[in-house]
Protein backbone atom coordinates (compact mmCIF):
# COMPACT_ATOMS: atom_id res chain seq x y z
CA MET A 1 14.74 -38.05 -80.28
CA ARG A 2 14.24 -41.35 -82.39
CA GLN A 3 13.08 -40.84 -85.58
CA ASP A 4 11.05 -43.75 -86.22
CA LEU A 5 8.59 -42.51 -83.47
CA LEU A 6 5.48 -40.79 -83.01
CA ILE A 7 3.41 -40.28 -80.40
CA LEU A 8 0.22 -38.37 -80.79
CA GLY A 9 -1.69 -37.31 -77.73
CA ILE A 10 -5.52 -37.13 -78.76
CA GLY A 11 -8.59 -35.46 -77.73
CA ASN A 12 -10.19 -32.15 -76.61
CA GLY A 13 -7.99 -30.45 -74.31
CA LEU A 14 -11.29 -28.41 -73.49
CA ARG A 15 -13.36 -31.15 -71.98
CA ALA A 16 -11.78 -32.00 -69.05
CA ASP A 17 -10.84 -35.72 -68.61
CA ASP A 18 -10.72 -35.64 -72.94
CA GLY A 19 -7.40 -34.39 -72.39
CA ALA A 20 -6.04 -36.66 -71.33
CA GLY A 21 -3.83 -38.00 -74.27
CA PRO A 22 -3.00 -34.03 -75.32
CA TYR A 23 -1.65 -33.70 -71.44
CA VAL A 24 0.52 -36.73 -72.27
CA ALA A 25 1.88 -35.76 -75.50
CA ALA A 26 2.73 -32.16 -74.38
CA ARG A 27 4.29 -33.06 -71.27
CA LEU A 28 6.59 -35.87 -73.71
CA ALA A 29 6.96 -33.47 -76.31
CA ALA A 30 8.77 -31.11 -73.90
CA ALA A 31 10.88 -33.60 -72.64
CA GLY A 32 12.50 -34.75 -76.51
CA LEU A 33 10.20 -37.07 -77.63
CA ASN A 34 8.27 -36.84 -81.26
CA ALA A 35 4.99 -35.92 -79.87
CA ARG A 36 2.13 -33.98 -80.85
CA VAL A 37 -1.57 -32.93 -79.98
CA HIS A 38 -4.34 -34.44 -82.05
CA ALA A 39 -7.58 -33.39 -82.49
CA GLY A 40 -8.99 -37.39 -82.76
CA ASP A 41 -10.37 -37.34 -86.57
CA GLY A 42 -9.53 -40.52 -88.04
CA THR A 43 -8.16 -39.73 -91.34
CA GLY A 44 -5.62 -37.35 -89.34
CA ILE A 45 -4.79 -40.78 -86.92
CA ILE A 46 -4.57 -42.62 -90.27
CA ASP A 47 -2.34 -40.29 -92.67
CA ALA A 48 0.16 -40.24 -89.05
CA MET A 49 0.23 -43.66 -89.64
CA ALA A 50 2.86 -42.83 -92.80
CA GLU A 51 4.74 -41.08 -90.63
CA ALA A 52 6.75 -43.58 -88.03
CA ARG A 53 7.30 -46.88 -88.00
CA HIS A 54 6.02 -47.12 -84.36
CA LEU A 55 3.49 -45.10 -83.14
CA VAL A 56 2.12 -44.24 -79.98
CA LEU A 57 -2.06 -43.69 -79.47
CA ILE A 58 -3.10 -41.90 -76.36
CA ASP A 59 -6.70 -41.08 -75.47
CA ALA A 60 -9.32 -41.36 -73.01
CA THR A 61 -11.51 -43.52 -72.72
CA ARG A 62 -15.15 -44.01 -71.64
CA SER A 63 -15.73 -47.78 -71.04
CA GLY A 64 -17.17 -48.45 -67.98
CA ALA A 65 -13.51 -49.23 -66.04
CA ALA A 66 -12.58 -47.36 -62.45
CA PRO A 67 -11.82 -44.14 -63.60
CA GLY A 68 -7.77 -43.75 -64.02
CA THR A 69 -7.82 -47.13 -65.13
CA HIS A 70 -4.62 -47.51 -67.92
CA THR A 71 -5.04 -50.22 -70.59
CA ARG A 72 -1.90 -50.99 -72.88
CA LEU A 73 -3.54 -52.38 -76.26
CA ASP A 74 -1.05 -53.97 -79.35
CA ALA A 75 -3.14 -53.20 -82.51
CA ILE A 76 -1.13 -54.91 -84.66
CA ALA A 77 -1.70 -58.41 -82.96
CA ALA A 78 -5.40 -57.89 -82.39
CA PRO A 79 -8.41 -55.64 -83.68
CA ILE A 80 -8.86 -52.18 -81.32
CA PRO A 81 -12.48 -53.04 -79.82
CA ALA A 82 -14.48 -49.83 -80.98
CA GLU A 83 -16.98 -49.78 -77.96
CA PHE A 84 -13.79 -48.80 -75.69
CA PHE A 85 -12.98 -45.19 -77.24
CA HIS A 86 -16.56 -44.46 -78.21
CA TYR A 87 -16.54 -41.20 -76.58
CA SER A 88 -15.52 -38.95 -79.58
CA THR A 89 -17.08 -36.05 -81.13
CA HIS A 90 -16.02 -37.62 -83.94
CA ARG A 91 -18.16 -40.27 -85.43
CA PHE A 92 -14.52 -41.61 -87.20
CA GLY A 93 -12.00 -41.89 -84.34
CA LEU A 94 -9.43 -44.03 -83.50
CA ALA A 95 -10.84 -47.04 -83.19
CA GLU A 96 -12.12 -46.69 -86.61
CA ALA A 97 -9.24 -45.42 -87.81
CA VAL A 98 -7.10 -48.33 -86.91
CA GLU A 99 -9.26 -50.74 -88.45
CA THR A 100 -9.46 -49.11 -91.98
CA ALA A 101 -5.79 -49.04 -92.07
CA ARG A 102 -5.38 -52.64 -91.00
CA ALA A 103 -8.27 -53.49 -93.93
CA LEU A 104 -6.23 -51.06 -96.14
CA ASP A 105 -2.75 -52.68 -94.99
CA LEU A 106 -1.37 -49.23 -93.98
CA LEU A 107 -0.82 -50.31 -90.19
CA PRO A 108 2.88 -49.19 -89.44
CA PRO A 109 5.24 -51.94 -87.90
CA ALA A 110 4.31 -51.15 -84.63
CA LEU A 111 1.24 -49.92 -83.48
CA GLU A 112 0.36 -49.42 -79.95
CA VAL A 113 -2.67 -47.49 -77.63
CA HIS A 114 -3.05 -46.33 -74.13
CA GLY A 115 -6.11 -45.68 -72.83
CA ILE A 116 -6.85 -43.72 -69.99
CA GLU A 117 -10.01 -43.94 -68.58
CA GLY A 118 -11.98 -40.53 -67.45
CA ALA A 119 -14.62 -39.37 -65.26
CA ASP A 120 -15.41 -36.29 -66.57
CA PHE A 121 -16.00 -35.43 -69.94
CA SER A 122 -17.36 -31.79 -69.35
CA PRO A 123 -15.87 -28.41 -70.71
CA GLY A 124 -13.07 -27.69 -68.35
CA GLU A 125 -9.45 -28.09 -68.67
CA THR A 126 -8.43 -29.74 -65.42
CA LEU A 127 -8.03 -33.44 -65.38
CA SER A 128 -9.70 -35.43 -62.76
CA ALA A 129 -7.57 -36.82 -59.77
CA PRO A 130 -7.40 -40.51 -61.02
CA VAL A 131 -6.94 -39.04 -64.91
CA ALA A 132 -4.53 -37.23 -63.67
CA GLU A 133 -2.45 -39.54 -61.82
CA ALA A 134 -2.51 -42.43 -64.45
CA ALA A 135 -1.92 -39.78 -67.17
CA GLU A 136 1.84 -39.19 -64.77
CA ALA A 137 2.14 -42.45 -64.46
CA LEU A 138 2.05 -43.28 -68.43
CA ILE A 139 4.29 -40.44 -69.19
CA VAL A 140 6.67 -41.78 -66.92
CA THR A 141 6.54 -45.11 -68.54
CA LEU A 142 6.45 -43.83 -71.79
CA LEU A 143 9.94 -41.87 -70.84
CA ALA A 144 11.79 -44.98 -69.55
CA ALA A 145 11.16 -46.60 -72.62
CA PHE A 146 11.74 -44.48 -75.18
CA ALA A 147 13.80 -41.32 -73.97
CA ARG A 148 17.36 -42.81 -75.41
């Protein structure tokens, strides 16, 4: 397992597609990667930045794109648009955490953010079909990139 890597699956597994991040993280952890579920509070995300040189954040998005759309952002290269990750029960979520850490010079050397566009954020533990397909594809991609 790469010691310099940490993957956080952000979201609530009890709110349908908001569970995309936790779903991916659980599957990656089962495959032996340093991955865990994170409830999504921004201060915890900032704390996690000190744990690894390469941090990968995975969260559901609600940007208006087609459900299941996967977006990869290099958070070192450019700011994270707050409206992209605006579907959060927290006022201080992923985008705010990254930009606060940037302002405080706390970003790790590598920080990538993966968003999967959700369709259903109602109570429930099942991902919608397009989100489940995107989550499976992201698992394959991340395993190929980091399972060495």
